[in-house]
Structure formats: C-alpha cells, structure tokens
Protein backbone atom coordinates (compact mmCIF):
# COMPACT_ATOMS: atom_id res chain seq x y z
CA MET A 1 -35.45 43.02 11.60
CA ARG A 2 -33.43 42.21 8.49
CA LEU A 3 -31.11 44.89 7.10
CA PHE A 4 -29.81 42.91 4.12
CA ARG A 5 -31.24 40.57 1.51
CA ALA A 6 -28.60 37.88 1.27
CA HIS A 7 -30.34 35.58 -1.21
CA ARG A 8 -27.64 36.28 -3.78
CA ALA A 9 -24.27 38.00 -3.95
CA PRO A 10 -23.78 40.84 -3.38
CA ALA A 11 -26.12 41.35 -0.43
CA LEU A 12 -28.65 44.16 -0.92
CA LEU A 13 -30.07 46.50 1.69
CA THR A 14 -33.68 46.05 2.69
CA ALA A 15 -35.90 49.14 2.94
CA GLN A 16 -35.19 49.23 6.68
CA GLY A 17 -31.45 48.86 6.06
CA ALA A 18 -31.47 51.71 3.53
CA LEU A 19 -33.33 53.96 5.99
CA LEU A 20 -30.89 53.20 8.83
CA LEU A 21 -27.93 53.76 6.49
CA ALA A 22 -29.31 57.19 5.52
CA ASP A 23 -29.72 58.04 9.21
CA ALA A 24 -26.16 56.92 9.97
CA ARG A 25 -24.78 59.04 7.12
CA HIS A 26 -26.73 62.04 8.41
CA ILE A 27 -25.33 61.53 11.93
CA LEU A 28 -21.76 61.22 10.60
CA ALA A 29 -22.14 64.41 8.55
CA GLY A 30 -23.38 66.16 11.70
CA LEU A 31 -20.33 64.94 13.60
CA ASP A 32 -18.05 66.27 10.86
CA THR A 33 -19.78 69.67 11.11
CA LEU A 34 -19.48 69.59 14.91
CA LYS A 35 -15.74 68.85 14.74
CA ALA A 36 -15.17 71.57 12.11
CA ARG A 37 -17.10 74.14 14.14
CA ALA A 38 -15.15 73.23 17.31
CA ARG A 39 -11.86 73.66 15.40
CA LEU A 40 -12.97 77.10 14.20
CA MET A 41 -13.99 78.21 17.70
CA THR A 42 -10.67 76.98 19.08
CA ALA A 43 -8.94 79.08 16.41
CA GLY A 44 -10.83 82.16 17.61
CA VAL A 45 -13.65 82.33 15.05
CA GLU A 46 -16.89 83.56 16.61
CA PRO A 47 -19.64 80.92 16.84
CA GLU A 48 -22.07 83.50 15.42
CA LEU A 49 -21.83 87.10 14.22
CA ALA A 50 -24.66 89.57 14.72
CA VAL A 51 -24.38 92.91 12.90
CA VAL A 52 -26.62 95.95 13.07
CA ILE A 53 -26.64 98.21 10.02
CA ASP A 54 -28.13 101.65 9.55
CA VAL A 55 -31.13 101.70 7.23
CA PHE A 56 -29.36 104.13 4.88
CA PHE A 57 -26.36 101.84 4.29
CA PRO A 58 -26.45 100.52 0.68
CA THR A 59 -28.13 97.11 0.55
CA ASP A 60 -26.06 95.98 -2.43
CA VAL A 61 -22.89 96.36 -0.33
CA VAL A 62 -24.50 94.46 2.55
CA SER A 63 -25.61 91.65 0.21
CA THR A 64 -22.20 91.33 -1.43
CA GLN A 65 -20.39 91.25 1.91
CA ALA A 66 -22.88 88.80 3.43
CA ARG A 67 -22.27 86.39 0.53
CA ALA A 68 -18.50 86.78 0.93
CA PHE A 69 -18.81 86.14 4.68
CA ALA A 70 -20.88 82.98 4.07
CA ALA A 71 -18.31 81.71 1.56
CA THR A 72 -15.41 82.39 3.93
CA PHE A 73 -17.12 81.21 7.14
CA PRO A 74 -19.80 78.71 6.07
CA LEU A 75 -20.25 77.35 9.61
CA THR A 76 -20.69 80.76 11.24
CA PRO A 77 -24.27 82.08 11.14
CA LEU A 78 -24.56 85.76 10.23
CA LYS A 79 -27.49 87.72 11.69
CA ILE A 80 -28.13 91.15 10.18
CA PHE A 81 -30.34 93.71 11.87
CA VAL A 82 -31.38 96.90 10.07
CA GLU A 83 -32.35 99.84 12.26
CA ALA A 84 -32.81 103.59 11.90
CA LEU A 85 -31.35 106.54 13.79
CA GLY A 86 -30.49 106.02 17.45
CA ALA A 87 -32.36 102.71 17.62
CA ALA A 88 -29.49 101.12 15.73
CA TYR A 89 -27.24 101.53 18.77
CA GLU A 90 -29.51 99.51 21.07
CA PRO A 91 -28.51 96.04 19.78
CA LEU A 92 -24.86 96.96 20.38
CA LEU A 93 -25.45 98.35 23.84
CA ASP A 94 -27.59 95.44 25.02
CA GLY A 95 -25.22 92.81 23.57
CA ARG A 96 -27.43 91.39 20.82
CA CYS A 97 -24.90 92.52 18.17
CA GLN A 98 -21.12 92.45 18.15
CA LEU A 99 -20.66 94.85 15.23
CA GLY A 100 -22.48 97.91 13.93
CA ILE A 101 -22.23 99.92 10.72
CA LEU A 102 -23.85 103.12 11.89
CA PRO A 103 -23.71 106.90 11.55
CA PRO A 104 -21.97 108.78 14.34
CA LEU A 105 -24.03 110.19 17.18
CA PRO A 106 -23.24 113.40 19.04
CA GLN A 107 -23.13 111.42 22.29
CA ALA A 108 -20.18 109.08 22.89
CA PHE A 109 -20.69 105.61 24.38
CA PRO A 110 -17.66 104.61 26.48
CA SER A 111 -18.51 100.91 26.13
CA LEU A 112 -18.25 101.08 22.31
CA ALA A 113 -15.19 101.44 20.13
CA SER A 114 -15.66 103.16 16.78
CA GLU A 115 -13.77 103.51 13.55
CA ARG A 116 -14.65 105.72 10.62
CA LEU A 117 -15.36 103.72 7.45
CA GLY A 118 -16.05 106.60 5.05
CA GLU A 119 -18.95 108.76 3.94
CA LEU A 120 -22.23 108.09 2.23
CA PRO A 121 -23.79 110.94 0.26
CA LEU A 122 -27.48 111.51 0.94
CA LEU A 123 -29.57 112.77 -1.94
CA ALA A 124 -32.88 114.54 -1.63
CA ALA A 125 -35.42 114.67 -4.41
C-alpha cells in the first residue's frame, strides 16, 4: 500500500495515507484526553459527578450551574437526575449519586451529611 505520491516534490498523501493520518490524529487526541483526565483524577477531581435534584428546584439555576460546571471541568461528565419527594433520596442512599439538592425530610439518614442552602417559596394558584 502506498501512503504518498512521490512523483513530484513535495510528496502528497494518497487517499489511504490521508485516512491513516486522520486515524493517527484521532488516537493522539484521545491520548491527550486520557493524560489530562488522569492528571485531574490524581489531583482529586471526581471522574464523574452524579447529582439528584428535587423536581421543584428551579431549572434555570440547574441549567446555569451545569454549563458553569462543564466549562470548569470539561473532562468530568455530569449526570443530573430529577426526582420528586422521598424518591429523590434513593439515588443518594444506593450510591448512584454523590450529591443531592433536596428538601429536608422529617427522618434523618445517618449515612448522609446535609447542609442548608436556603429556601424556595412555593406558590399556589
């Protein structure tokens, strides 16, 4: 298989050569991503972040923060789950999510740590 046409200077890639060059560039870009991700993990950045959010939490806030997260941590996938009522605690308790933005429940879960973020007014029509 010929990768170059060397009939004249400079040598030109054949169709096969151009295809292999594109593959090589793709592999090298993947290696760069792999090295960058390994550096981040070594520095303590989570390989992935899964968050569960209560259905009543404002979606515009979630969208804004998800974009900011992606800009700050472009190699860390963000998974967002939206659940209602007590079901929102399940992904935290079974380990599918590392973080939850949820309303308080009357029952405490010793395996979870909580911090109050503020209040959201609920309006009824």
